[in-house]
C-alpha atoms as a PDB file:
ATOM      1  CA  MET A   1       0.025  -0.016   0.070  1.00  0.00           C
ATOM      2  CA  LYS A   2       1.340   3.431  -0.998  1.00  0.00           C
ATOM      3  CA  ASP A   3       2.124   6.077   1.811  1.00  0.00           C
ATOM      4  CA  ALA A   4       0.155   9.187   1.823  1.00  0.00           C
ATOM      5  CA  PRO A   5       2.664  11.451  -0.182  1.00  0.00           C
ATOM      6  CA  ALA A   6       3.134   8.720  -2.828  1.00  0.00           C
ATOM      7  CA  ALA A   7      -0.682   8.241  -3.094  1.00  0.00           C
ATOM      8  CA  ARG A   8      -1.310  11.972  -3.428  1.00  0.00           C
ATOM      9  CA  ALA A   9       1.367  12.247  -6.138  1.00  0.00           C
ATOM     10  CA  GLU A  10      -0.286   9.425  -8.059  1.00  0.00           C
ATOM     11  CA  TYR A  11      -3.646  11.112  -7.691  1.00  0.00           C
ATOM     12  CA  GLU A  12      -2.164  14.296  -9.027  1.00  0.00           C
ATOM     13  CA  ARG A  13      -0.605  12.525 -12.038  1.00  0.00           C
ATOM     14  CA  ARG A  14      -4.032  10.978 -12.876  1.00  0.00           C
ATOM     15  CA  MET A  15      -5.808  14.303 -12.720  1.00  0.00           C
ATOM     16  CA  HIS A  16      -3.217  16.083 -14.892  1.00  0.00           C
ATOM     17  CA  ARG A  17      -3.458  13.304 -17.375  1.00  0.00           C
ATOM     18  CA  VAL A  18      -7.240  13.696 -17.684  1.00  0.00           C
ATOM     19  CA  ILE A  19      -7.085  17.523 -17.914  1.00  0.00           C
ATOM     20  CA  GLU A  20      -4.435  17.370 -20.577  1.00  0.00           C
ATOM     21  CA  HIS A  21      -6.665  14.746 -22.512  1.00  0.00           C
ATOM     22  CA  ILE A  22      -9.611  17.162 -22.251  1.00  0.00           C
ATOM     23  CA  ASP A  23      -7.654  20.153 -23.506  1.00  0.00           C
ATOM     24  CA  ARG A  24      -6.388  18.221 -26.584  1.00  0.00           C
ATOM     25  CA  HIS A  25      -9.662  16.574 -27.500  1.00  0.00           C
ATOM     26  CA  LEU A  26     -12.295  19.285 -27.093  1.00  0.00           C
ATOM     27  CA  ASP A  27     -13.686  18.506 -30.465  1.00  0.00           C
ATOM     28  CA  GLN A  28     -14.492  14.830 -29.489  1.00  0.00           C
ATOM     29  CA  PRO A  29     -17.042  13.240 -27.222  1.00  0.00           C
ATOM     30  CA  LEU A  30     -15.842  13.490 -23.647  1.00  0.00           C
ATOM     31  CA  ASP A  31     -18.270  11.496 -21.568  1.00  0.00           C
ATOM     32  CA  LEU A  32     -17.785  10.467 -17.959  1.00  0.00           C
ATOM     33  CA  GLU A  33     -16.913   6.868 -18.687  1.00  0.00           C
ATOM     34  CA  ARG A  34     -14.323   7.853 -21.284  1.00  0.00           C
ATOM     35  CA  LEU A  35     -12.557  10.369 -19.063  1.00  0.00           C
ATOM     36  CA  ALA A  36     -12.637   8.060 -15.924  1.00  0.00           C
ATOM     37  CA  ALA A  37     -10.807   5.486 -18.017  1.00  0.00           C
ATOM     38  CA  VAL A  38      -8.134   8.035 -19.035  1.00  0.00           C
ATOM     39  CA  ALA A  39      -7.749   8.878 -15.234  1.00  0.00           C
ATOM     40  CA  HIS A  40      -7.868   5.182 -14.235  1.00  0.00           C
ATOM     41  CA  PHE A  41     -10.698   5.938 -11.701  1.00  0.00           C
ATOM     42  CA  SER A  42     -13.980   4.157 -11.627  1.00  0.00           C
ATOM     43  CA  PRO A  43     -16.804   6.054 -13.239  1.00  0.00           C
ATOM     44  CA  PHE A  44     -18.804   5.780 -10.031  1.00  0.00           C
ATOM     45  CA  HIS A  45     -16.290   7.911  -8.115  1.00  0.00           C
ATOM     46  CA  PHE A  46     -14.605  10.047 -10.847  1.00  0.00           C
ATOM     47  CA  HIS A  47     -17.282  12.799 -10.977  1.00  0.00           C
ATOM     48  CA  ARG A  48     -16.972  13.565  -7.301  1.00  0.00           C
ATOM     49  CA  LEU A  49     -13.204  13.316  -7.357  1.00  0.00           C
ATOM     50  CA  PHE A  50     -12.973  15.705 -10.330  1.00  0.00           C
ATOM     51  CA  ALA A  51     -15.245  18.339  -8.650  1.00  0.00           C
ATOM     52  CA  ALA A  52     -13.213  18.107  -5.459  1.00  0.00           C
ATOM     53  CA  TRP A  53      -9.992  18.594  -7.298  1.00  0.00           C
ATOM     54  CA  MET A  54     -11.017  21.276  -9.763  1.00  0.00           C
ATOM     55  CA  GLY A  55     -13.636  23.172  -7.750  1.00  0.00           C
ATOM     56  CA  GLU A  56     -16.195  22.777 -10.478  1.00  0.00           C
ATOM     57  CA  THR A  57     -18.094  19.828 -11.856  1.00  0.00           C
ATOM     58  CA  LEU A  58     -16.893  17.914 -14.860  1.00  0.00           C
ATOM     59  CA  GLY A  59     -19.796  19.212 -17.012  1.00  0.00           C
ATOM     60  CA  ASP A  60     -19.128  22.866 -15.979  1.00  0.00           C
ATOM     61  CA  TYR A  61     -15.370  22.395 -16.646  1.00  0.00           C
ATOM     62  CA  LEU A  62     -15.965  20.975 -20.101  1.00  0.00           C
ATOM     63  CA  ARG A  63     -18.504  23.646 -21.040  1.00  0.00           C
ATOM     64  CA  ARG A  64     -16.234  26.449 -19.769  1.00  0.00           C
ATOM     65  CA  ARG A  65     -13.130  25.104 -21.602  1.00  0.00           C
ATOM     66  CA  ARG A  66     -15.044  24.617 -24.840  1.00  0.00           C
ATOM     67  CA  VAL A  67     -16.575  28.069 -24.755  1.00  0.00           C
ATOM     68  CA  GLU A  68     -13.299  29.814 -23.735  1.00  0.00           C
ATOM     69  CA  THR A  69     -11.268  27.939 -26.400  1.00  0.00           C
ATOM     70  CA  ALA A  70     -13.826  28.913 -29.013  1.00  0.00           C
ATOM     71  CA  ALA A  71     -13.707  32.527 -27.905  1.00  0.00           C
ATOM     72  CA  MET A  72      -9.985  32.680 -28.440  1.00  0.00           C
ATOM     73  CA  ARG A  73     -10.405  31.266 -31.980  1.00  0.00           C
ATOM     74  CA  LEU A  74     -13.196  33.748 -32.704  1.00  0.00           C
ATOM     75  CA  ALA A  75     -10.993  36.702 -31.552  1.00  0.00           C
ATOM     76  CA  GLY A  76      -8.051  35.554 -33.593  1.00  0.00           C
ATOM     77  CA  GLN A  77      -9.820  34.506 -36.729  1.00  0.00           C
ATOM     78  CA  PRO A  78     -12.289  37.187 -37.942  1.00  0.00           C
ATOM     79  CA  GLY A  79     -13.410  35.134 -40.913  1.00  0.00           C
ATOM     80  CA  LEU A  80     -14.205  31.982 -38.825  1.00  0.00           C
ATOM     81  CA  PRO A  81     -17.948  31.253 -38.945  1.00  0.00           C
ATOM     82  CA  VAL A  82     -19.544  30.933 -35.503  1.00  0.00           C
ATOM     83  CA  LEU A  83     -20.812  27.364 -36.395  1.00  0.00           C
ATOM     84  CA  SER A  84     -17.232  26.304 -37.320  1.00  0.00           C
ATOM     85  CA  ALA A  85     -15.906  27.647 -33.971  1.00  0.00           C
ATOM     86  CA  ALA A  86     -18.676  25.701 -32.243  1.00  0.00           C
ATOM     87  CA  LEU A  87     -17.995  22.441 -34.021  1.00  0.00           C
ATOM     88  CA  SER A  88     -14.269  22.780 -33.505  1.00  0.00           C
ATOM     89  CA  VAL A  89     -14.734  22.462 -29.717  1.00  0.00           C
ATOM     90  CA  GLY A  90     -17.444  19.818 -29.621  1.00  0.00           C
ATOM     91  CA  PHE A  91     -20.762  21.713 -29.727  1.00  0.00           C
ATOM     92  CA  GLY A  92     -23.409  20.090 -31.954  1.00  0.00           C
ATOM     93  CA  SER A  93     -25.074  23.240 -33.087  1.00  0.00           C
ATOM     94  CA  ALA A  94     -24.673  26.989 -33.260  1.00  0.00           C
ATOM     95  CA  GLU A  95     -27.656  27.371 -31.031  1.00  0.00           C
ATOM     96  CA  ALA A  96     -26.333  25.318 -28.277  1.00  0.00           C
ATOM     97  CA  PHE A  97     -22.943  27.071 -28.490  1.00  0.00           C
ATOM     98  CA  SER A  98     -24.587  30.503 -28.477  1.00  0.00           C
ATOM     99  CA  ARG A  99     -26.541  29.659 -25.309  1.00  0.00           C
ATOM    100  CA  ALA A 100     -23.411  28.479 -23.489  1.00  0.00           C
ATOM    101  CA  PHE A 101     -21.427  31.380 -24.795  1.00  0.00           C
ATOM    102  CA  ARG A 102     -23.963  33.937 -23.576  1.00  0.00           C
ATOM    103  CA  ALA A 103     -24.109  32.261 -20.227  1.00  0.00           C
ATOM    104  CA  ARG A 104     -20.288  32.634 -19.862  1.00  0.00           C
ATOM    105  CA  PHE A 105     -19.616  36.036 -21.441  1.00  0.00           C
ATOM    106  CA  GLY A 106     -23.017  37.783 -21.301  1.00  0.00           C
ATOM    107  CA  SER A 107     -23.299  38.404 -25.064  1.00  0.00           C
ATOM    108  CA  SER A 108     -23.554  36.551 -28.331  1.00  0.00           C
ATOM    109  CA  PRO A 109     -20.440  35.186 -29.982  1.00  0.00           C
ATOM    110  CA  THR A 110     -20.809  37.657 -32.897  1.00  0.00           C
ATOM    111  CA  ALA A 111     -21.114  40.662 -30.516  1.00  0.00           C
ATOM    112  CA  TRP A 112     -18.249  39.448 -28.289  1.00  0.00           C
ATOM    113  CA  ARG A 113     -15.966  39.002 -31.347  1.00  0.00           C
ATOM    114  CA  ARG A 114     -16.844  42.428 -32.624  1.00  0.00           C
ATOM    115  CA  GLN A 115     -15.900  43.974 -29.270  1.00  0.00           C
ATOM    116  CA  ASN A 116     -12.661  42.047 -28.897  1.00  0.00           C
ATOM    117  CA  ARG A 117     -11.299  42.601 -32.360  1.00  0.00           C
ATOM    118  CA  ASN A 118     -10.661  46.148 -31.175  1.00  0.00           C
ATOM    119  CA  PRO A 119      -7.115  46.167 -29.762  1.00  0.00           C
ATOM    120  CA  GLY A 120      -8.116  48.765 -27.187  1.00  0.00           C
ATOM    121  CA  GLN A 121     -10.809  46.389 -25.805  1.00  0.00           C
ATOM    122  CA  VAL A 122      -8.531  43.326 -25.449  1.00  0.00           C
ATOM    123  CA  ASP A 123      -6.685  42.606 -22.252  1.00  0.00           C
ATOM    124  CA  ARG A 124      -3.141  41.916 -23.347  1.00  0.00           C
ATOM    125  CA  LYS A 125      -1.506  38.661 -22.164  1.00  0.00           C
ATOM    126  CA  PRO A 126       0.076  39.683 -18.811  1.00  0.00           C
ATOM    127  CA  ASP A 127       3.788  39.551 -17.987  1.00  0.00           C
ATOM    128  CA  GLN A 128       5.451  36.188 -18.477  1.00  0.00           C
ATOM    129  CA  ALA A 129       8.390  35.024 -16.502  1.00  0.00           C
ATOM    130  CA  ALA A 130      11.854  35.661 -17.779  1.00  0.00           C
ATOM    131  CA  PRO A 131      13.887  32.526 -18.392  1.00  0.00           C
ATOM    132  CA  ALA A 132      15.548  32.372 -15.070  1.00  0.00           C
ATOM    133  CA  ALA A 133      13.877  34.419 -12.729  1.00  0.00           C
ATOM    134  CA  SER A 134      11.996  36.842 -10.530  1.00  0.00           C
ATOM    135  CA  ALA A 135      13.460  40.336 -10.890  1.00  0.00           C
ATOM    136  CA  ASN A 136      11.315  43.353 -11.334  1.00  0.00           C
ATOM    137  CA  HIS A 137      12.032  44.072 -14.991  1.00  0.00           C
ATOM    138  CA  ALA A 138      12.554  47.569 -16.259  1.00  0.00           C
ATOM    139  CA  GLY A 139      10.766  48.638 -19.477  1.00  0.00           C
ATOM    140  CA  SER A 140      12.293  49.097 -22.981  1.00  0.00           C
ATOM    141  CA  SER A 141      11.044  49.476 -26.499  1.00  0.00           C
ATOM    142  CA  HIS A 142      12.472  46.336 -28.013  1.00  0.00           C
ATOM    143  CA  ALA A 143       9.208  44.604 -28.674  1.00  0.00           C
ATOM    144  CA  LYS A 144       7.368  47.729 -30.098  1.00  0.00           C
ATOM    145  CA  GLU A 145      10.097  48.490 -32.583  1.00  0.00           C
ATOM    146  CA  SER A 146      10.852  45.029 -33.915  1.00  0.00           C
ATOM    147  CA  PRO A 147       9.269  43.971 -37.242  1.00  0.00           C
ATOM    148  CA  MET A 148       6.918  41.067 -37.214  1.00  0.00           C
ATOM    149  CA  GLU A 149       8.952  38.363 -38.917  1.00  0.00           C
ATOM    150  CA  VAL A 150       6.974  35.103 -38.438  1.00  0.00           C
ATOM    151  CA  LYS A 151       8.597  31.829 -39.518  1.00  0.00           C
ATOM    152  CA  LEU A 152       6.804  28.533 -40.128  1.00  0.00           C
ATOM    153  CA  ILE A 153       8.751  25.549 -38.795  1.00  0.00           C
ATOM    154  CA  GLU A 154       8.355  21.933 -37.999  1.00  0.00           C
ATOM    155  CA  ARG A 155       9.044  20.961 -34.453  1.00  0.00           C
ATOM    156  CA  PRO A 156       9.680  17.421 -33.192  1.00  0.00           C
ATOM    157  CA  PRO A 157       7.859  16.210 -30.068  1.00  0.00           C
ATOM    158  CA  VAL A 158       9.639  16.989 -26.850  1.00  0.00           C
ATOM    159  CA  THR A 159       9.567  15.276 -23.486  1.00  0.00           C
ATOM    160  CA  VAL A 160       9.311  17.813 -20.685  1.00  0.00           C
ATOM    161  CA  ALA A 161       8.920  17.831 -16.919  1.00  0.00           C
ATOM    162  CA  TYR A 162       6.709  20.701 -15.619  1.00  0.00           C
ATOM    163  CA  LEU A 163       5.482  22.503 -12.584  1.00  0.00           C
ATOM    164  CA  ARG A 164       2.090  24.040 -12.734  1.00  0.00           C
ATOM    165  CA  HIS A 165       0.985  27.532 -11.527  1.00  0.00           C
ATOM    166  CA  THR A 166      -2.756  28.031 -11.105  1.00  0.00           C
ATOM    167  CA  GLY A 167      -3.879  31.647 -10.505  1.00  0.00           C
ATOM    168  CA  PRO A 168      -3.259  35.088 -12.019  1.00  0.00           C
ATOM    169  CA  PHE A 169      -0.417  35.596 -14.442  1.00  0.00           C
ATOM    170  CA  GLY A 170       1.831  38.604 -14.285  1.00  0.00           C
ATOM    171  CA  PRO A 171       4.151  39.080 -11.352  1.00  0.00           C
ATOM    172  CA  PRO A 172       3.043  35.818  -9.736  1.00  0.00           C
ATOM    173  CA  LEU A 173       4.645  33.900 -12.675  1.00  0.00           C
ATOM    174  CA  GLN A 174       7.924  35.766 -12.102  1.00  0.00           C
ATOM    175  CA  ARG A 175       7.910  34.621  -8.500  1.00  0.00           C
ATOM    176  CA  PHE A 176       6.903  31.084  -9.493  1.00  0.00           C
ATOM    177  CA  TRP A 177       9.962  30.752 -11.756  1.00  0.00           C
ATOM    178  CA  GLY A 178      12.308  32.214  -9.265  1.00  0.00           C
ATOM    179  CA  GLU A 179      10.967  30.778  -5.879  1.00  0.00           C
ATOM    180  CA  THR A 180       9.671  27.343  -7.033  1.00  0.00           C
ATOM    181  CA  VAL A 181      10.801  26.401 -10.518  1.00  0.00           C
ATOM    182  CA  TYR A 182      14.493  27.359 -10.254  1.00  0.00           C
ATOM    183  CA  PRO A 183      15.131  25.539  -6.955  1.00  0.00           C
ATOM    184  CA  TRP A 184      13.395  22.449  -8.340  1.00  0.00           C
ATOM    185  CA  MET A 185      15.584  22.574 -11.484  1.00  0.00           C
ATOM    186  CA  LEU A 186      18.744  22.963  -9.367  1.00  0.00           C
ATOM    187  CA  ALA A 187      17.835  20.071  -7.132  1.00  0.00           C
ATOM    188  CA  ASN A 188      17.191  17.785 -10.163  1.00  0.00           C
ATOM    189  CA  GLY A 189      20.328  18.760 -12.236  1.00  0.00           C
ATOM    190  CA  LEU A 190      18.286  20.486 -14.926  1.00  0.00           C
ATOM    191  CA  LEU A 191      19.963  23.861 -15.025  1.00  0.00           C
ATOM    192  CA  GLY A 192      20.970  24.765 -18.544  1.00  0.00           C
ATOM    193  CA  GLN A 193      18.382  22.742 -20.214  1.00  0.00           C
ATOM    194  CA  THR A 194      15.916  24.119 -22.849  1.00  0.00           C
ATOM    195  CA  ARG A 195      12.814  25.515 -21.144  1.00  0.00           C
ATOM    196  CA  TYR A 196       9.246  26.218 -22.278  1.00  0.00           C
ATOM    197  CA  GLY A 197       6.480  28.291 -20.763  1.00  0.00           C
ATOM    198  CA  LEU A 198       2.918  27.171 -21.603  1.00  0.00           C
ATOM    199  CA  ALA A 199       0.034  29.479 -20.819  1.00  0.00           C
ATOM    200  CA  LEU A 200      -2.809  26.983 -21.006  1.00  0.00           C
ATOM    201  CA  ASP A 201      -5.492  29.663 -20.695  1.00  0.00           C
ATOM    202  CA  ASP A 202      -5.951  33.094 -22.315  1.00  0.00           C
ATOM    203  CA  PRO A 203      -5.856  35.649 -19.532  1.00  0.00           C
ATOM    204  CA  ALA A 204      -8.183  37.890 -21.621  1.00  0.00           C
ATOM    205  CA  ILE A 205     -10.796  35.209 -21.437  1.00  0.00           C
ATOM    206  CA  THR A 206     -10.291  32.911 -18.457  1.00  0.00           C
ATOM    207  CA  ALA A 207     -10.908  34.200 -14.865  1.00  0.00           C
ATOM    208  CA  PRO A 208      -7.620  34.929 -13.043  1.00  0.00           C
ATOM    209  CA  ALA A 209      -8.235  32.267 -10.350  1.00  0.00           C
ATOM    210  CA  LYS A 210      -8.568  29.519 -13.054  1.00  0.00           C
ATOM    211  CA  GLN A 211      -5.592  30.515 -15.294  1.00  0.00           C
ATOM    212  CA  ARG A 212      -3.042  27.729 -15.672  1.00  0.00           C
ATOM    213  CA  TYR A 213       0.662  28.051 -16.619  1.00  0.00           C
ATOM    214  CA  ASP A 214       3.182  25.215 -16.955  1.00  0.00           C
ATOM    215  CA  ALA A 215       6.860  25.970 -16.430  1.00  0.00           C
ATOM    216  CA  CYS A 216       8.631  23.257 -18.481  1.00  0.00           C
ATOM    217  CA  VAL A 217      12.138  21.882 -18.869  1.00  0.00           C
ATOM    218  CA  GLU A 218      13.333  19.437 -21.494  1.00  0.00           C
ATOM    219  CA  VAL A 219      14.297  16.033 -20.037  1.00  0.00           C
ATOM    220  CA  PRO A 220      15.104  12.564 -21.261  1.00  0.00           C
ATOM    221  CA  GLN A 221      12.301  10.195 -22.037  1.00  0.00           C
ATOM    222  CA  ASP A 222      13.295   7.998 -19.064  1.00  0.00           C
ATOM    223  CA  PHE A 223      13.266  10.894 -16.627  1.00  0.00           C
ATOM    224  CA  VAL A 224      11.322  10.226 -13.509  1.00  0.00           C
ATOM    225  CA  ALA A 225       9.379  13.233 -12.337  1.00  0.00           C
ATOM    226  CA  SER A 226       9.519  13.779  -8.504  1.00  0.00           C
ATOM    227  CA  GLY A 227       7.878  15.854  -5.915  1.00  0.00           C
ATOM    228  CA  PRO A 228       5.211  18.188  -7.395  1.00  0.00           C
ATOM    229  CA  ALA A 229       6.553  17.848 -10.987  1.00  0.00           C
ATOM    230  CA  HIS A 230       4.769  15.949 -13.807  1.00  0.00           C
ATOM    231  CA  LYS A 231       5.969  14.753 -17.150  1.00  0.00           C
ATOM    232  CA  THR A 232       4.300  15.018 -20.630  1.00  0.00           C
ATOM    233  CA  THR A 233       5.141  15.411 -24.272  1.00  0.00           C
ATOM    234  CA  LEU A 234       5.036  18.775 -25.937  1.00  0.00           C
ATOM    235  CA  PRO A 235       3.436  17.903 -29.350  1.00  0.00           C
ATOM    236  CA  GLY A 236       5.492  18.352 -32.507  1.00  0.00           C
ATOM    237  CA  GLY A 237       4.294  19.568 -35.855  1.00  0.00           C
ATOM    238  CA  ARG A 238       3.974  22.867 -37.646  1.00  0.00           C
ATOM    239  CA  TYR A 239       4.206  26.032 -35.595  1.00  0.00           C
ATOM    240  CA  ALA A 240       4.400  29.697 -36.426  1.00  0.00           C
ATOM    241  CA  THR A 241       7.245  31.354 -34.474  1.00  0.00           C
ATOM    242  CA  LEU A 242       8.034  34.889 -33.673  1.00  0.00           C
ATOM    243  CA  TYR A 243      11.406  35.917 -32.125  1.00  0.00           C
ATOM    244  CA  PHE A 244      11.051  38.140 -29.047  1.00  0.00           C
ATOM    245  CA  LYS A 245      13.621  40.205 -27.226  1.00  0.00           C
ATOM    246  CA  GLY A 246      12.577  42.554 -24.540  1.00  0.00           C
ATOM    247  CA  THR A 247      11.180  42.567 -21.034  1.00  0.00           C
ATOM    248  CA  SER A 248       8.354  40.645 -19.359  1.00  0.00           C
ATOM    249  CA  ALA A 249       6.334  43.796 -19.371  1.00  0.00           C
ATOM    250  CA  GLU A 250       6.473  43.802 -23.229  1.00  0.00           C
ATOM    251  CA  ILE A 251       5.965  40.195 -24.156  1.00  0.00           C
ATOM    252  CA  GLY A 252       2.102  40.451 -23.823  1.00  0.00           C
ATOM    253  CA  ALA A 253       2.082  42.949 -26.718  1.00  0.00           C
ATOM    254  CA  ALA A 254       4.160  40.583 -28.788  1.00  0.00           C
ATOM    255  CA  TRP A 255       1.670  37.778 -28.187  1.00  0.00           C
ATOM    256  CA  LEU A 256      -1.129  40.164 -29.179  1.00  0.00           C
ATOM    257  CA  ARG A 257       0.477  41.060 -32.381  1.00  0.00           C
ATOM    258  CA  LEU A 258       1.080  37.449 -33.284  1.00  0.00           C
ATOM    259  CA  LEU A 259      -2.441  36.214 -32.424  1.00  0.00           C
ATOM    260  CA  ARG A 260      -4.555  39.169 -33.308  1.00  0.00           C
ATOM    261  CA  ASP A 261      -2.562  40.813 -36.112  1.00  0.00           C
ATOM    262  CA  TRP A 262      -0.592  38.218 -37.943  1.00  0.00           C
ATOM    263  CA  LEU A 263      -2.771  35.101 -37.573  1.00  0.00           C
ATOM    264  CA  PRO A 264      -5.968  36.388 -39.172  1.00  0.00           C
ATOM    265  CA  GLY A 265      -4.266  37.114 -42.398  1.00  0.00           C
ATOM    266  CA  SER A 266      -2.032  34.068 -42.601  1.00  0.00           C
ATOM    267  CA  GLY A 267      -4.448  31.624 -44.068  1.00  0.00           C
ATOM    268  CA  LEU A 268      -3.900  29.391 -41.024  1.00  0.00           C
ATOM    269  CA  GLN A 269      -5.685  28.644 -37.816  1.00  0.00           C
ATOM    270  CA  LEU A 270      -4.865  27.426 -34.413  1.00  0.00           C
ATOM    271  CA  ASP A 271      -5.410  23.800 -33.493  1.00  0.00           C
ATOM    272  CA  ALA A 272      -5.718  21.886 -30.163  1.00  0.00           C
ATOM    273  CA  ARG A 273      -1.983  21.935 -29.362  1.00  0.00           C
ATOM    274  CA  PRO A 274      -0.850  24.552 -26.788  1.00  0.00           C
ATOM    275  CA  CYS A 275       0.938  27.801 -27.524  1.00  0.00           C
ATOM    276  CA  PHE A 276       4.232  28.244 -25.765  1.00  0.00           C
ATOM    277  CA  GLU A 277       7.315  30.332 -25.208  1.00  0.00           C
ATOM    278  CA  HIS A 278      10.585  28.498 -26.171  1.00  0.00           C
ATOM    279  CA  TYR A 279      13.696  29.458 -24.189  1.00  0.00           C
ATOM    280  CA  PRO A 280      16.793  27.824 -25.881  1.00  0.00           C
ATOM    281  CA  ARG A 281      19.903  26.924 -24.023  1.00  0.00           C
ATOM    282  CA  GLU A 282      21.745  29.778 -25.716  1.00  0.00           C
ATOM    283  CA  GLY A 283      19.089  32.301 -24.871  1.00  0.00           C
ATOM    284  CA  CYS A 284      20.109  35.577 -23.247  1.00  0.00           C
ATOM    285  CA  TYR A 285      19.032  37.184 -20.000  1.00  0.00           C
ATOM    286  CA  ASP A 286      20.295  40.390 -18.638  1.00  0.00           C
ATOM    287  CA  ALA A 287      19.635  40.624 -14.973  1.00  0.00           C
ATOM    288  CA  ALA A 288      20.346  44.373 -14.910  1.00  0.00           C
ATOM    289  CA  THR A 289      17.767  45.332 -17.497  1.00  0.00           C
ATOM    290  CA  GLY A 290      15.348  42.423 -17.383  1.00  0.00           C
ATOM    291  CA  VAL A 291      15.809  41.820 -21.202  1.00  0.00           C
ATOM    292  CA  PHE A 292      15.595  38.301 -22.376  1.00  0.00           C
ATOM    293  CA  ASP A 293      14.786  36.430 -25.593  1.00  0.00           C
ATOM    294  CA  CYS A 294      12.700  33.601 -26.651  1.00  0.00           C
ATOM    295  CA  GLU A 295      10.457  32.300 -29.408  1.00  0.00           C
ATOM    296  CA  LEU A 296       6.714  32.634 -29.277  1.00  0.00           C
ATOM    297  CA  CYS A 297       5.238  29.479 -30.864  1.00  0.00           C
ATOM    298  CA  ILE A 298       1.684  28.941 -31.930  1.00  0.00           C
ATOM    299  CA  PRO A 299       0.436  25.610 -33.447  1.00  0.00           C
ATOM    300  CA  VAL A 300      -1.085  26.158 -36.790  1.00  0.00           C
ATOM    301  CA  ALA A 301      -2.988  24.245 -39.368  1.00  0.00           C
ATOM    302  CA  PRO A 302      -4.569  25.145 -42.727  1.00  0.00           C
ATOM    303  CA  LEU A 303      -7.962  27.005 -42.560  1.00  0.00           C
END
């Protein structure tokens, strides 16, 4: 019989596994029995376990994630029909989608998109953590002056270990990297490895208390995650990438330009894979100015 810490770690691994499955299969049927099997819990107990862990029922969580994901696609793809957005996240009709959308956002999908296509109306993606740390970064104009040179690349799948932050983005993420992630990497001999930052929710859409961010580091396939860490595979495939150099106060504007300015005219659309920041081993970070560099990566597929 497992001791209490080992049992809790196994419970967390199963719940992370099912949440990841949901996020990557929103366009498919996600019934209780199917998800209980993913988590290796009995269907009889899974619904109650999920609600206790997430603070919302499975049905409420599925509905919220589907509506919020569709909202992000509507904002970033002005030509995407509402029905297409609804079908892409598992709704069977535009009517059912519109009812759920109005319950979440207080307006129809069409009205919401019209409002949020105005850059002045959109909350920019808040500050992300610099590659190593938790300094209070000074501002500069790097991101505002750089041209938008987006490249399309094929990325291989990558095995990563990650620690998850749940809650508001911005300064809390800087503290999370510096006070939690950095010591964990040091203890596990992972300093100097390639890192990734995955914002699993759009802070312009998801309530601050429910926003999720994974601080990831590349690891061998046989790496055994310990403590609060978990392991997964960052999907490969085609990504649009934008080089960024600046401070954490400016990276939100770069994300906005990529998703709201470049993507709509690209002939491409987002798919179910996560967006992320790629911090290569040779990346720079200036502790005095807070300037760092990384690649902003969004998963793309043909329209």
